[in-house]
Amino acid sequence: MRWLMVLWGCFALVFSASAEVPQLLHYNGYLTNAVGEAVDCPDPIQCGDNFDLTFRIYAEAEGGSPIWDEVEPSVSIYGGAFHVILGDANPVTAELLDGPIWITVKINDNAEMLPRQEVASAPYAIKAGTVDHA
């Protein structure tokens, strides 16, 4: 079965002021089927499907090999919407985010969804970048 996805483009690093910065990335997405209907699968028992999502980060918009990847097994999807926290199995390091990067999603055994989505800064992350220059 072919899946389509509309990405909300919501990425956020999780920060903690008093401890080491967690190397995690929030990712929100919206999944539809091939005819544009929102997928609704809170768990494999209720819907009969299992949604294993593979996320990959690349240093270029097209071509090349992934510089990071992680599989999120059995992701729950509610009315098309899903949320995962990336970096549990493979940390999202500051070095990985040094320069432009693009992220892709692959559902189960299907091909990666295209085009790759460019990862952009959140407004306060841009401001926090000035701390390095203070």
N, C-alpha and C. Protein backbone atom coordinates (compact mmCIF):
# COMPACT_ATOMS: atom_id res chain seq x y z
N MET A 1 0.84 -1.18 0.00
CA MET A 1 0.00 0.00 0.00
C MET A 1 0.89 1.24 0.00
N ARG A 2 0.53 2.23 -0.74
CA ARG A 2 1.30 3.47 -0.86
C ARG A 2 0.75 4.49 0.13
N TRP A 3 1.63 5.18 0.82
CA TRP A 3 1.26 6.19 1.81
C TRP A 3 1.77 7.54 1.36
N LEU A 4 1.01 8.55 1.67
CA LEU A 4 1.43 9.93 1.42
C LEU A 4 1.54 10.62 2.76
N MET A 5 2.42 11.59 2.84
CA MET A 5 2.56 12.29 4.09
C MET A 5 2.68 13.79 3.85
N VAL A 6 1.97 14.53 4.67
CA VAL A 6 2.13 15.97 4.71
C VAL A 6 2.85 16.26 6.02
N LEU A 7 3.98 16.91 5.95
CA LEU A 7 4.76 17.18 7.15
C LEU A 7 4.44 18.56 7.69
N TRP A 8 4.26 18.64 8.97
CA TRP A 8 3.98 19.93 9.61
C TRP A 8 5.24 20.75 9.76
N GLY A 9 6.39 20.12 9.60
CA GLY A 9 7.64 20.87 9.73
C GLY A 9 7.88 21.33 11.15
N CYS A 10 7.43 20.57 12.12
CA CYS A 10 7.64 20.95 13.51
C CYS A 10 8.82 20.17 14.06
N PHE A 11 9.92 20.84 14.20
CA PHE A 11 11.11 20.24 14.77
C PHE A 11 11.48 21.09 15.97
N ALA A 12 11.90 20.46 17.04
CA ALA A 12 12.34 21.22 18.20
C ALA A 12 13.36 20.40 18.97
N LEU A 13 14.46 21.02 19.31
CA LEU A 13 15.40 20.36 20.20
C LEU A 13 14.91 20.55 21.63
N VAL A 14 15.13 19.56 22.45
CA VAL A 14 14.73 19.62 23.84
C VAL A 14 15.91 20.14 24.64
N PHE A 15 15.71 21.24 25.38
CA PHE A 15 16.79 21.84 26.15
C PHE A 15 16.50 21.79 27.65
N SER A 16 17.54 21.75 28.44
CA SER A 16 17.43 21.82 29.89
C SER A 16 18.54 22.75 30.37
N ALA A 17 18.19 23.80 31.08
CA ALA A 17 19.16 24.82 31.48
C ALA A 17 20.14 24.33 32.53
N SER A 18 19.73 23.41 33.40
CA SER A 18 20.58 23.04 34.52
C SER A 18 21.34 21.74 34.30
N ALA A 19 21.14 21.07 33.19
CA ALA A 19 21.80 19.79 32.96
C ALA A 19 22.32 19.73 31.53
N GLU A 20 22.91 18.61 31.19
CA GLU A 20 23.37 18.41 29.83
C GLU A 20 22.19 18.49 28.87
N VAL A 21 22.42 19.08 27.72
CA VAL A 21 21.35 19.23 26.73
C VAL A 21 21.00 17.86 26.16
N PRO A 22 19.73 17.44 26.27
CA PRO A 22 19.34 16.17 25.68
C PRO A 22 19.53 16.21 24.16
N GLN A 23 19.96 15.11 23.61
CA GLN A 23 20.22 15.04 22.18
C GLN A 23 19.02 14.41 21.48
N LEU A 24 17.87 15.08 21.62
CA LEU A 24 16.59 14.60 21.11
C LEU A 24 15.97 15.63 20.18
N LEU A 25 15.15 15.16 19.28
CA LEU A 25 14.48 16.02 18.31
C LEU A 25 13.01 15.62 18.24
N HIS A 26 12.12 16.57 18.49
CA HIS A 26 10.68 16.32 18.32
C HIS A 26 10.35 16.35 16.83
N TYR A 27 9.47 15.46 16.41
CA TYR A 27 9.04 15.44 15.02
C TYR A 27 7.54 15.17 14.99
N ASN A 28 6.79 16.08 14.39
CA ASN A 28 5.35 15.92 14.20
C ASN A 28 5.07 15.76 12.72
N GLY A 29 4.14 14.89 12.38
CA GLY A 29 3.80 14.69 10.99
C GLY A 29 2.32 14.38 10.83
N TYR A 30 1.89 14.34 9.60
CA TYR A 30 0.50 14.04 9.25
C TYR A 30 0.51 13.04 8.10
N LEU A 31 -0.10 11.88 8.31
CA LEU A 31 -0.05 10.79 7.35
C LEU A 31 -1.42 10.55 6.74
N THR A 32 -1.45 10.50 5.41
CA THR A 32 -2.69 10.18 4.68
C THR A 32 -2.44 8.95 3.82
N ASN A 33 -3.53 8.31 3.41
CA ASN A 33 -3.40 7.19 2.48
C ASN A 33 -3.30 7.74 1.05
N ALA A 34 -3.27 6.86 0.08
CA ALA A 34 -3.05 7.26 -1.31
C ALA A 34 -4.16 8.14 -1.88
N VAL A 35 -5.36 8.11 -1.27
CA VAL A 35 -6.47 8.95 -1.76
C VAL A 35 -6.68 10.19 -0.89
N GLY A 36 -5.73 10.46 0.01
CA GLY A 36 -5.78 11.69 0.80
C GLY A 36 -6.54 11.62 2.10
N GLU A 37 -6.98 10.43 2.51
CA GLU A 37 -7.71 10.29 3.78
C GLU A 37 -6.71 10.13 4.92
N ALA A 38 -6.99 10.78 6.04
CA ALA A 38 -6.11 10.69 7.20
C ALA A 38 -6.07 9.25 7.72
N VAL A 39 -4.87 8.77 8.00
CA VAL A 39 -4.69 7.45 8.59
C VAL A 39 -5.05 7.56 10.07
N ASP A 40 -5.77 6.59 10.58
CA ASP A 40 -6.11 6.56 12.00
C ASP A 40 -5.77 5.18 12.53
N CYS A 41 -4.72 5.10 13.29
CA CYS A 41 -4.24 3.83 13.81
C CYS A 41 -3.63 4.03 15.19
N PRO A 42 -4.49 4.12 16.22
CA PRO A 42 -3.95 4.33 17.57
C PRO A 42 -3.05 3.19 18.05
N ASP A 43 -3.34 1.96 17.58
CA ASP A 43 -2.48 0.82 17.89
C ASP A 43 -2.78 -0.30 16.89
N PRO A 44 -1.82 -1.23 16.70
CA PRO A 44 -2.00 -2.29 15.69
C PRO A 44 -3.21 -3.18 15.94
N ILE A 45 -3.62 -3.33 17.18
CA ILE A 45 -4.77 -4.19 17.50
C ILE A 45 -6.06 -3.57 16.95
N GLN A 46 -6.23 -2.26 17.12
CA GLN A 46 -7.45 -1.59 16.67
C GLN A 46 -7.53 -1.45 15.16
N CYS A 47 -6.42 -1.24 14.49
CA CYS A 47 -6.49 -0.97 13.05
C CYS A 47 -5.93 -2.09 12.18
N GLY A 48 -5.25 -3.04 12.77
CA GLY A 48 -4.71 -4.15 12.00
C GLY A 48 -3.42 -3.84 11.27
N ASP A 49 -2.95 -2.62 11.32
CA ASP A 49 -1.70 -2.23 10.67
C ASP A 49 -0.68 -1.83 11.71
N ASN A 50 0.56 -1.95 11.35
CA ASN A 50 1.66 -1.53 12.18
C ASN A 50 2.44 -0.49 11.39
N PHE A 51 2.78 0.63 11.99
CA PHE A 51 3.50 1.69 11.29
C PHE A 51 4.87 1.88 11.93
N ASP A 52 5.88 1.27 11.29
CA ASP A 52 7.26 1.46 11.70
C ASP A 52 7.82 2.57 10.82
N LEU A 53 8.26 3.65 11.43
CA LEU A 53 8.77 4.80 10.69
C LEU A 53 10.28 4.86 10.82
N THR A 54 10.96 4.96 9.68
CA THR A 54 12.41 5.13 9.64
C THR A 54 12.70 6.56 9.26
N PHE A 55 13.46 7.24 10.09
CA PHE A 55 13.86 8.63 9.84
C PHE A 55 15.33 8.63 9.46
N ARG A 56 15.66 9.42 8.43
CA ARG A 56 17.04 9.56 7.99
C ARG A 56 17.35 11.04 7.80
N ILE A 57 18.56 11.42 8.17
CA ILE A 57 19.02 12.79 7.96
C ILE A 57 20.16 12.76 6.95
N TYR A 58 20.09 13.69 6.00
CA TYR A 58 21.10 13.83 4.94
C TYR A 58 21.72 15.21 5.00
N ALA A 59 22.94 15.32 4.47
CA ALA A 59 23.63 16.61 4.39
C ALA A 59 23.30 17.35 3.10
N GLU A 60 22.53 16.73 2.21
CA GLU A 60 22.15 17.38 0.96
C GLU A 60 20.69 17.10 0.64
N ALA A 61 20.12 17.98 -0.18
CA ALA A 61 18.70 17.88 -0.52
C ALA A 61 18.40 16.67 -1.40
N GLU A 62 19.34 16.25 -2.21
CA GLU A 62 19.18 15.09 -3.09
C GLU A 62 20.47 14.30 -3.13
N GLY A 63 20.33 12.99 -3.27
CA GLY A 63 21.51 12.13 -3.39
C GLY A 63 22.24 11.97 -2.07
N GLY A 64 23.39 11.31 -2.14
CA GLY A 64 24.20 11.10 -0.96
C GLY A 64 23.68 10.00 -0.06
N SER A 65 24.43 9.74 0.97
CA SER A 65 24.08 8.73 1.96
C SER A 65 23.60 9.41 3.24
N PRO A 66 22.74 8.74 3.99
CA PRO A 66 22.29 9.35 5.25
C PRO A 66 23.45 9.51 6.23
N ILE A 67 23.41 10.60 6.98
CA ILE A 67 24.42 10.83 8.02
C ILE A 67 23.88 10.44 9.39
N TRP A 68 22.59 10.08 9.46
CA TRP A 68 21.95 9.66 10.71
C TRP A 68 20.68 8.92 10.34
N ASP A 69 20.31 7.93 11.14
CA ASP A 69 19.01 7.29 10.97
C ASP A 69 18.55 6.66 12.27
N GLU A 70 17.25 6.43 12.33
CA GLU A 70 16.64 5.81 13.51
C GLU A 70 15.28 5.26 13.12
N VAL A 71 14.93 4.11 13.66
CA VAL A 71 13.62 3.51 13.43
C VAL A 71 12.76 3.70 14.66
N GLU A 72 11.54 4.19 14.43
CA GLU A 72 10.55 4.33 15.50
C GLU A 72 9.48 3.26 15.24
N PRO A 73 9.48 2.17 16.03
CA PRO A 73 8.54 1.08 15.77
C PRO A 73 7.14 1.37 16.30
N SER A 74 6.15 0.83 15.61
CA SER A 74 4.74 0.86 16.04
C SER A 74 4.28 2.25 16.47
N VAL A 75 4.41 3.23 15.59
CA VAL A 75 4.00 4.60 15.90
C VAL A 75 2.48 4.71 15.85
N SER A 76 1.89 5.29 16.87
CA SER A 76 0.45 5.53 16.92
C SER A 76 0.10 6.75 16.09
N ILE A 77 -0.99 6.65 15.33
CA ILE A 77 -1.42 7.74 14.45
C ILE A 77 -2.88 8.03 14.75
N TYR A 78 -3.19 9.26 15.11
CA TYR A 78 -4.54 9.67 15.50
C TYR A 78 -5.07 10.68 14.50
N GLY A 79 -6.04 10.28 13.69
CA GLY A 79 -6.60 11.19 12.70
C GLY A 79 -5.55 11.78 11.79
N GLY A 80 -4.54 10.99 11.45
CA GLY A 80 -3.47 11.43 10.58
C GLY A 80 -2.25 11.97 11.31
N ALA A 81 -2.42 12.47 12.52
CA ALA A 81 -1.32 13.12 13.25
C ALA A 81 -0.50 12.10 14.05
N PHE A 82 0.81 12.32 14.04
CA PHE A 82 1.68 11.51 14.88
C PHE A 82 2.81 12.38 15.41
N HIS A 83 3.42 11.91 16.48
CA HIS A 83 4.54 12.61 17.11
C HIS A 83 5.54 11.56 17.57
N VAL A 84 6.80 11.80 17.29
CA VAL A 84 7.87 10.94 17.78
C VAL A 84 8.98 11.83 18.34
N ILE A 85 9.77 11.25 19.20
CA ILE A 85 10.96 11.93 19.72
C ILE A 85 12.15 11.13 19.20
N LEU A 86 12.91 11.75 18.34
CA LEU A 86 14.06 11.11 17.71
C LEU A 86 15.31 11.31 18.56
N GLY A 87 16.16 10.33 18.57
CA GLY A 87 17.42 10.43 19.29
C GLY A 87 17.53 9.47 20.46
N ASP A 88 16.48 8.71 20.75
CA ASP A 88 16.56 7.74 21.85
C ASP A 88 17.60 6.66 21.57
N ALA A 89 17.59 6.12 20.37
CA ALA A 89 18.52 5.04 20.01
C ALA A 89 19.82 5.59 19.42
N ASN A 90 19.74 6.71 18.75
CA ASN A 90 20.89 7.30 18.06
C ASN A 90 20.84 8.81 18.31
N PRO A 91 21.61 9.33 19.26
CA PRO A 91 21.51 10.75 19.63
C PRO A 91 21.65 11.71 18.46
N VAL A 92 20.91 12.80 18.53
CA VAL A 92 21.00 13.89 17.55
C VAL A 92 21.99 14.89 18.13
N THR A 93 23.22 14.85 17.66
CA THR A 93 24.29 15.65 18.24
C THR A 93 24.37 17.04 17.60
N ALA A 94 25.03 17.94 18.29
CA ALA A 94 25.23 19.29 17.78
C ALA A 94 26.05 19.25 16.49
N GLU A 95 27.00 18.35 16.40
CA GLU A 95 27.83 18.22 15.20
C GLU A 95 26.97 17.83 13.99
N LEU A 96 25.98 17.00 14.23
CA LEU A 96 25.07 16.58 13.15
C LEU A 96 24.30 17.78 12.60
N LEU A 97 23.99 18.73 13.47
CA LEU A 97 23.19 19.90 13.10
C LEU A 97 24.06 21.07 12.64
N ASP A 98 25.34 20.84 12.42
CA ASP A 98 26.25 21.90 12.01
C ASP A 98 26.22 22.03 10.48
N GLY A 99 25.34 22.89 10.01
CA GLY A 99 25.17 23.06 8.57
C GLY A 99 23.77 22.62 8.16
N PRO A 100 23.40 22.88 6.91
CA PRO A 100 22.06 22.51 6.45
C PRO A 100 21.89 20.99 6.42
N ILE A 101 20.71 20.54 6.85
CA ILE A 101 20.39 19.11 6.81
C ILE A 101 18.95 18.93 6.35
N TRP A 102 18.67 17.73 5.82
CA TRP A 102 17.34 17.37 5.34
C TRP A 102 16.94 16.05 5.96
N ILE A 103 15.65 15.90 6.25
CA ILE A 103 15.15 14.68 6.89
C ILE A 103 14.14 13.99 5.97
N THR A 104 14.15 12.67 6.01
CA THR A 104 13.17 11.88 5.26
C THR A 104 12.48 10.90 6.20
N VAL A 105 11.33 10.43 5.76
CA VAL A 105 10.57 9.43 6.50
C VAL A 105 10.27 8.28 5.56
N LYS A 106 10.38 7.08 6.09
CA LYS A 106 10.06 5.87 5.34
C LYS A 106 9.08 5.09 6.21
N ILE A 107 7.97 4.64 5.62
CA ILE A 107 6.97 3.89 6.38
C ILE A 107 7.06 2.43 6.00
N ASN A 108 7.24 1.59 7.02
CA ASN A 108 7.39 0.14 6.83
C ASN A 108 8.42 -0.14 5.75
N ASP A 109 8.08 -0.94 4.75
CA ASP A 109 9.04 -1.31 3.71
C ASP A 109 8.93 -0.45 2.45
N ASN A 110 8.18 0.64 2.51
CA ASN A 110 8.03 1.53 1.36
C ASN A 110 9.29 2.37 1.17
N ALA A 111 9.39 3.02 0.02
CA ALA A 111 10.52 3.91 -0.26
C ALA A 111 10.43 5.16 0.61
N GLU A 112 11.54 5.85 0.77
CA GLU A 112 11.54 7.13 1.48
C GLU A 112 10.60 8.09 0.77
N MET A 113 9.92 8.91 1.56
CA MET A 113 9.05 9.93 0.98
C MET A 113 9.91 11.09 0.49
N LEU A 114 9.52 11.62 -0.64
CA LEU A 114 10.25 12.73 -1.25
C LEU A 114 9.30 13.89 -1.49
N PRO A 115 9.74 15.11 -1.53
CA PRO A 115 11.13 15.52 -1.39
C PRO A 115 11.56 15.49 0.08
N ARG A 116 12.86 15.51 0.29
CA ARG A 116 13.39 15.62 1.65
C ARG A 116 12.96 16.96 2.22
N GLN A 117 12.74 16.97 3.53
CA GLN A 117 12.32 18.20 4.21
C GLN A 117 13.54 18.86 4.87
N GLU A 118 13.78 20.12 4.52
CA GLU A 118 14.91 20.82 5.14
C GLU A 118 14.58 21.14 6.59
N VAL A 119 15.52 20.87 7.47
CA VAL A 119 15.36 21.17 8.89
C VAL A 119 15.76 22.62 9.11
N ALA A 120 14.88 23.38 9.73
CA ALA A 120 15.13 24.81 9.97
C ALA A 120 15.10 25.09 11.47
N SER A 121 15.66 26.21 11.86
CA SER A 121 15.72 26.60 13.26
C SER A 121 14.39 27.09 13.78
N ALA A 122 14.17 26.88 15.06
CA ALA A 122 13.06 27.51 15.76
C ALA A 122 13.53 28.92 16.14
N PRO A 123 12.61 29.89 16.27
CA PRO A 123 13.03 31.27 16.54
C PRO A 123 13.96 31.42 17.74
N TYR A 124 13.68 30.78 18.85
CA TYR A 124 14.54 30.95 20.01
C TYR A 124 15.87 30.21 19.87
N ALA A 125 15.91 29.20 19.02
CA ALA A 125 17.18 28.52 18.76
C ALA A 125 18.14 29.45 18.03
N ILE A 126 17.61 30.29 17.14
CA ILE A 126 18.44 31.27 16.44
C ILE A 126 19.02 32.25 17.46
N LYS A 127 18.22 32.70 18.39
CA LYS A 127 18.68 33.60 19.45
C LYS A 127 19.71 32.90 20.33
N ALA A 128 19.48 31.65 20.66
CA ALA A 128 20.41 30.90 21.52
C ALA A 128 21.76 30.75 20.85
N GLY A 129 21.80 30.75 19.53
CA GLY A 129 23.06 30.65 18.81
C GLY A 129 24.00 31.80 19.09
N THR A 130 23.47 32.93 19.53
CA THR A 130 24.33 34.08 19.84
C THR A 130 25.08 33.88 21.14
N VAL A 131 24.70 32.91 21.96
CA VAL A 131 25.39 32.63 23.22
C VAL A 131 26.82 32.22 22.95
N ASP A 132 27.06 31.51 21.85
CA ASP A 132 28.41 31.11 21.49
C ASP A 132 29.30 32.32 21.22
N HIS A 133 28.71 33.47 20.88
CA HIS A 133 29.49 34.64 20.54
C HIS A 133 29.52 35.68 21.65
N ALA A 134 28.93 35.39 22.78
CA ALA A 134 28.86 36.37 23.87
C ALA A 134 30.17 36.46 24.62
